[in-house]
Amino acid sequence: MTKLAAATHSSPFGTLYLIAENDRLLAAGFRSLEDLKQRLPEDVAARGFQRVASIPIVSDVWRAYCDGDIKGLSQIKWQQTGGPFRQKAWKAMTKIPAGKTISYADLALKSGSPSAVRAAGTACATNLVAPFIPCHRIVRTGGALGGYGYGLPTKIALLTFEGAI
């Protein structure tokens, strides 16, 4: 059984931590590798981790994003565990253009369940592949920013960088 690749990259938004299997992203975030490892499904985390300097394709796309190519995040192949609604919500998030935001209600609608606004929020909260699945682009109805698992300052920094605010 092959170990998973774990890498870290500095960025204008803080250190980004990545866990991948080949070029398929399994986890990404701004807290720590340990945080990501704990949030992975147990059978996946049991494979172990090998520290690497970069992850094929993923690291290049992240570096390009930080250099101003804000449209590239959605190119990444990803995999995360979740039911049918969450999978639809995560896919819908990847279709939000950089520099734009949508509301939780819009996300519920785009995910096929217009009344599932709270479930749309839960899909954001359980997203293990941020910012590649750009849950930072989801805001409250009326435009208030709402929360972000990596803190409101990080959400503001990402949205400002993308020109959304």
C-alpha atoms as a PDB file:
ATOM      1  CA  MET A   1       0.000   0.000   0.000  1.00  0.00           C
ATOM      2  CA  THR A   2       1.487   3.314  -1.114  1.00  0.00           C
ATOM      3  CA  LYS A   3       1.805   6.131   1.382  1.00  0.00           C
ATOM      4  CA  LEU A   4       0.008   9.381   0.698  1.00  0.00           C
ATOM      5  CA  ALA A   5       2.029  12.453  -0.262  1.00  0.00           C
ATOM      6  CA  ALA A   6       1.992  15.381   2.184  1.00  0.00           C
ATOM      7  CA  ALA A   7       3.352  18.794   1.216  1.00  0.00           C
ATOM      8  CA  THR A   8       3.322  22.343   2.544  1.00  0.00           C
ATOM      9  CA  HIS A   9       3.487  25.596   0.599  1.00  0.00           C
ATOM     10  CA  SER A  10       3.839  29.176   1.784  1.00  0.00           C
ATOM     11  CA  SER A  11       1.284  31.576   0.359  1.00  0.00           C
ATOM     12  CA  PRO A  12      -0.099  35.089   0.825  1.00  0.00           C
ATOM     13  CA  PHE A  13      -2.910  33.461   2.857  1.00  0.00           C
ATOM     14  CA  GLY A  14      -0.741  31.435   5.228  1.00  0.00           C
ATOM     15  CA  THR A  15       0.822  28.015   4.892  1.00  0.00           C
ATOM     16  CA  LEU A  16      -1.223  25.631   2.757  1.00  0.00           C
ATOM     17  CA  TYR A  17      -1.068  21.965   3.700  1.00  0.00           C
ATOM     18  CA  LEU A  18      -1.805  19.288   1.098  1.00  0.00           C
ATOM     19  CA  ILE A  19      -2.394  15.540   1.150  1.00  0.00           C
ATOM     20  CA  ALA A  20      -2.730  13.654  -2.119  1.00  0.00           C
ATOM     21  CA  GLU A  21      -2.620  10.295  -3.778  1.00  0.00           C
ATOM     22  CA  ASN A  22      -0.579  10.840  -6.943  1.00  0.00           C
ATOM     23  CA  ASP A  23      -2.196  13.936  -8.506  1.00  0.00           C
ATOM     24  CA  ARG A  24      -5.609  13.443  -6.805  1.00  0.00           C
ATOM     25  CA  LEU A  25      -6.068  15.838  -3.902  1.00  0.00           C
ATOM     26  CA  LEU A  26      -7.534  14.262  -0.766  1.00  0.00           C
ATOM     27  CA  ALA A  27      -7.139  17.141   1.682  1.00  0.00           C
ATOM     28  CA  ALA A  28      -6.007  20.761   1.695  1.00  0.00           C
ATOM     29  CA  GLY A  29      -6.219  23.537   4.235  1.00  0.00           C
ATOM     30  CA  PHE A  30      -4.541  26.275   6.215  1.00  0.00           C
ATOM     31  CA  ARG A  31      -4.357  24.794   9.772  1.00  0.00           C
ATOM     32  CA  SER A  32      -1.826  21.937   9.862  1.00  0.00           C
ATOM     33  CA  LEU A  33      -1.045  18.562   8.345  1.00  0.00           C
ATOM     34  CA  GLU A  34      -2.119  16.993  11.608  1.00  0.00           C
ATOM     35  CA  ASP A  35      -5.545  18.664  11.306  1.00  0.00           C
ATOM     36  CA  LEU A  36      -5.966  17.283   7.787  1.00  0.00           C
ATOM     37  CA  LYS A  37      -4.821  13.800   8.802  1.00  0.00           C
ATOM     38  CA  GLN A  38      -7.383  13.731  11.625  1.00  0.00           C
ATOM     39  CA  ARG A  39     -10.181  14.759   9.260  1.00  0.00           C
ATOM     40  CA  LEU A  40      -9.432  12.079   6.644  1.00  0.00           C
ATOM     41  CA  PRO A  41     -11.436   8.840   6.750  1.00  0.00           C
ATOM     42  CA  GLU A  42      -9.687   6.368   9.049  1.00  0.00           C
ATOM     43  CA  ASP A  43      -8.949   3.823   6.296  1.00  0.00           C
ATOM     44  CA  VAL A  44      -7.319   6.526   4.158  1.00  0.00           C
ATOM     45  CA  ALA A  45      -5.212   7.961   6.989  1.00  0.00           C
ATOM     46  CA  ALA A  46      -4.069   4.440   7.916  1.00  0.00           C
ATOM     47  CA  ARG A  47      -2.003   4.339   4.718  1.00  0.00           C
ATOM     48  CA  GLY A  48       0.539   6.707   6.236  1.00  0.00           C
ATOM     49  CA  PHE A  49       2.206   9.773   4.826  1.00  0.00           C
ATOM     50  CA  GLN A  50       5.415  10.666   3.049  1.00  0.00           C
ATOM     51  CA  ARG A  51       6.597  14.290   3.126  1.00  0.00           C
ATOM     52  CA  VAL A  52       7.322  15.622  -0.352  1.00  0.00           C
ATOM     53  CA  ALA A  53       8.431  19.015  -1.662  1.00  0.00           C
ATOM     54  CA  SER A  54       5.553  19.203  -4.115  1.00  0.00           C
ATOM     55  CA  ILE A  55       2.612  17.213  -5.434  1.00  0.00           C
ATOM     56  CA  PRO A  56       2.344  16.738  -9.214  1.00  0.00           C
ATOM     57  CA  ILE A  57      -0.041  19.233 -10.828  1.00  0.00           C
ATOM     58  CA  VAL A  58      -1.575  20.326  -7.491  1.00  0.00           C
ATOM     59  CA  SER A  59       1.488  22.249  -6.298  1.00  0.00           C
ATOM     60  CA  ASP A  60       1.972  23.867  -9.710  1.00  0.00           C
ATOM     61  CA  VAL A  61      -1.661  25.011  -9.843  1.00  0.00           C
ATOM     62  CA  TRP A  62      -1.391  26.424  -6.306  1.00  0.00           C
ATOM     63  CA  ARG A  63       1.807  28.331  -7.143  1.00  0.00           C
ATOM     64  CA  ALA A  64       0.185  29.717 -10.313  1.00  0.00           C
ATOM     65  CA  TYR A  65      -2.871  30.775  -8.280  1.00  0.00           C
ATOM     66  CA  CYS A  66      -0.654  32.631  -5.810  1.00  0.00           C
ATOM     67  CA  ASP A  67       1.063  34.304  -8.784  1.00  0.00           C
ATOM     68  CA  GLY A  68      -2.298  35.602 -10.026  1.00  0.00           C
ATOM     69  CA  ASP A  69      -3.768  32.799 -12.163  1.00  0.00           C
ATOM     70  CA  ILE A  70      -6.936  32.760 -10.082  1.00  0.00           C
ATOM     71  CA  LYS A  71      -8.883  30.548 -12.494  1.00  0.00           C
ATOM     72  CA  GLY A  72      -6.812  27.390 -12.091  1.00  0.00           C
ATOM     73  CA  LEU A  73      -8.028  25.881  -8.814  1.00  0.00           C
ATOM     74  CA  SER A  74     -10.909  24.017 -10.440  1.00  0.00           C
ATOM     75  CA  GLN A  75      -8.480  22.052 -12.676  1.00  0.00           C
ATOM     76  CA  ILE A  76      -7.461  19.822  -9.783  1.00  0.00           C
ATOM     77  CA  LYS A  77      -8.737  16.265  -9.455  1.00  0.00           C
ATOM     78  CA  TRP A  78     -10.042  15.656  -5.945  1.00  0.00           C
ATOM     79  CA  GLN A  79     -11.751  12.986  -3.909  1.00  0.00           C
ATOM     80  CA  GLN A  80     -13.530  13.252  -0.584  1.00  0.00           C
ATOM     81  CA  THR A  81     -16.114  11.214   1.273  1.00  0.00           C
ATOM     82  CA  GLY A  82     -19.651  12.533   1.460  1.00  0.00           C
ATOM     83  CA  GLY A  83     -23.209  11.709   0.529  1.00  0.00           C
ATOM     84  CA  PRO A  84     -24.905  12.576  -2.770  1.00  0.00           C
ATOM     85  CA  PHE A  85     -25.933  16.114  -1.793  1.00  0.00           C
ATOM     86  CA  ARG A  86     -22.454  17.023  -0.538  1.00  0.00           C
ATOM     87  CA  GLN A  87     -20.849  15.638  -3.685  1.00  0.00           C
ATOM     88  CA  LYS A  88     -23.213  17.766  -5.807  1.00  0.00           C
ATOM     89  CA  ALA A  89     -22.548  20.824  -3.624  1.00  0.00           C
ATOM     90  CA  TRP A  90     -18.770  20.402  -3.875  1.00  0.00           C
ATOM     91  CA  LYS A  91     -18.997  20.024  -7.661  1.00  0.00           C
ATOM     92  CA  ALA A  92     -21.233  23.108  -7.836  1.00  0.00           C
ATOM     93  CA  MET A  93     -18.651  25.092  -5.833  1.00  0.00           C
ATOM     94  CA  THR A  94     -15.964  24.256  -8.390  1.00  0.00           C
ATOM     95  CA  LYS A  95     -18.098  25.919 -11.065  1.00  0.00           C
ATOM     96  CA  ILE A  96     -18.199  29.302  -9.285  1.00  0.00           C
ATOM     97  CA  PRO A  97     -15.843  31.543 -11.252  1.00  0.00           C
ATOM     98  CA  ALA A  98     -12.961  33.127  -9.373  1.00  0.00           C
ATOM     99  CA  GLY A  99     -13.898  36.682  -8.489  1.00  0.00           C
ATOM    100  CA  LYS A 100     -17.555  35.768  -7.931  1.00  0.00           C
ATOM    101  CA  THR A 101     -19.565  34.655  -4.926  1.00  0.00           C
ATOM    102  CA  ILE A 102     -22.922  32.924  -4.526  1.00  0.00           C
ATOM    103  CA  SER A 103     -25.191  32.514  -1.519  1.00  0.00           C
ATOM    104  CA  TYR A 104     -25.799  29.344   0.465  1.00  0.00           C
ATOM    105  CA  ALA A 105     -29.333  29.390  -1.019  1.00  0.00           C
ATOM    106  CA  ASP A 106     -27.868  29.568  -4.545  1.00  0.00           C
ATOM    107  CA  LEU A 107     -25.560  26.678  -3.698  1.00  0.00           C
ATOM    108  CA  ALA A 108     -28.510  24.595  -2.485  1.00  0.00           C
ATOM    109  CA  LEU A 109     -30.349  25.358  -5.740  1.00  0.00           C
ATOM    110  CA  LYS A 110     -27.304  24.525  -7.902  1.00  0.00           C
ATOM    111  CA  SER A 111     -26.947  21.274  -5.937  1.00  0.00           C
ATOM    112  CA  GLY A 112     -30.482  20.191  -6.834  1.00  0.00           C
ATOM    113  CA  SER A 113     -32.218  20.837  -3.502  1.00  0.00           C
ATOM    114  CA  PRO A 114     -33.413  24.465  -3.239  1.00  0.00           C
ATOM    115  CA  SER A 115     -34.672  24.024   0.330  1.00  0.00           C
ATOM    116  CA  ALA A 116     -31.410  22.467   1.583  1.00  0.00           C
ATOM    117  CA  VAL A 117     -29.745  25.751   2.567  1.00  0.00           C
ATOM    118  CA  ARG A 118     -28.463  24.381   5.894  1.00  0.00           C
ATOM    119  CA  ALA A 119     -27.119  21.291   4.128  1.00  0.00           C
ATOM    120  CA  ALA A 120     -25.292  23.619   1.723  1.00  0.00           C
ATOM    121  CA  GLY A 121     -23.658  25.237   4.756  1.00  0.00           C
ATOM    122  CA  THR A 122     -22.708  21.814   6.078  1.00  0.00           C
ATOM    123  CA  ALA A 123     -21.149  20.925   2.715  1.00  0.00           C
ATOM    124  CA  CYS A 124     -18.978  24.024   3.071  1.00  0.00           C
ATOM    125  CA  ALA A 125     -18.068  23.190   6.664  1.00  0.00           C
ATOM    126  CA  THR A 126     -17.090  19.598   5.823  1.00  0.00           C
ATOM    127  CA  ASN A 127     -15.157  20.449   2.659  1.00  0.00           C
ATOM    128  CA  LEU A 128     -11.737  18.866   3.124  1.00  0.00           C
ATOM    129  CA  VAL A 129     -10.282  20.241  -0.114  1.00  0.00           C
ATOM    130  CA  ALA A 130     -10.362  24.007   0.485  1.00  0.00           C
ATOM    131  CA  PRO A 131      -9.525  26.267  -1.289  1.00  0.00           C
ATOM    132  CA  PHE A 132      -9.508  24.022  -4.402  1.00  0.00           C
ATOM    133  CA  ILE A 133     -13.190  23.406  -3.811  1.00  0.00           C
ATOM    134  CA  PRO A 134     -13.778  27.106  -3.192  1.00  0.00           C
ATOM    135  CA  CYS A 135     -16.173  27.196  -0.254  1.00  0.00           C
ATOM    136  CA  HIS A 136     -14.698  30.646   0.473  1.00  0.00           C
ATOM    137  CA  ARG A 137     -16.846  31.875  -2.459  1.00  0.00           C
ATOM    138  CA  ILE A 138     -20.083  31.052  -0.610  1.00  0.00           C
ATOM    139  CA  VAL A 139     -21.665  33.969   1.259  1.00  0.00           C
ATOM    140  CA  ARG A 140     -24.906  34.661   3.083  1.00  0.00           C
ATOM    141  CA  THR A 141     -27.966  35.903   1.260  1.00  0.00           C
ATOM    142  CA  GLY A 142     -27.588  39.664   1.097  1.00  0.00           C
ATOM    143  CA  GLY A 143     -23.816  39.432   0.698  1.00  0.00           C
ATOM    144  CA  ALA A 144     -22.595  39.105   4.310  1.00  0.00           C
ATOM    145  CA  LEU A 145     -19.497  36.927   4.283  1.00  0.00           C
ATOM    146  CA  GLY A 146     -20.603  34.280   6.761  1.00  0.00           C
ATOM    147  CA  GLY A 147     -18.049  31.929   8.264  1.00  0.00           C
ATOM    148  CA  TYR A 148     -15.025  30.063   6.997  1.00  0.00           C
ATOM    149  CA  GLY A 149     -13.347  27.055   8.554  1.00  0.00           C
ATOM    150  CA  TYR A 150      -9.939  28.716   8.334  1.00  0.00           C
ATOM    151  CA  GLY A 151     -11.125  32.012   9.789  1.00  0.00           C
ATOM    152  CA  LEU A 152     -12.777  35.084   8.379  1.00  0.00           C
ATOM    153  CA  PRO A 153      -9.439  36.897   7.733  1.00  0.00           C
ATOM    154  CA  THR A 154      -8.393  34.054   5.402  1.00  0.00           C
ATOM    155  CA  LYS A 155     -11.753  34.139   3.595  1.00  0.00           C
ATOM    156  CA  ILE A 156     -11.459  37.914   3.175  1.00  0.00           C
ATOM    157  CA  ALA A 157      -7.875  37.577   1.907  1.00  0.00           C
ATOM    158  CA  LEU A 158      -8.874  34.935  -0.676  1.00  0.00           C
ATOM    159  CA  LEU A 159     -11.916  36.890  -1.887  1.00  0.00           C
ATOM    160  CA  THR A 160      -9.942  40.138  -2.046  1.00  0.00           C
ATOM    161  CA  PHE A 161      -7.140  38.412  -3.986  1.00  0.00           C
ATOM    162  CA  GLU A 162      -9.701  37.062  -6.456  1.00  0.00           C
ATOM    163  CA  GLY A 163     -11.363  40.473  -6.820  1.00  0.00           C
ATOM    164  CA  ALA A 164     -14.698  39.364  -5.369  1.00  0.00           C
ATOM    165  CA  ILE A 165     -14.649  42.007  -2.627  1.00  0.00           C
END
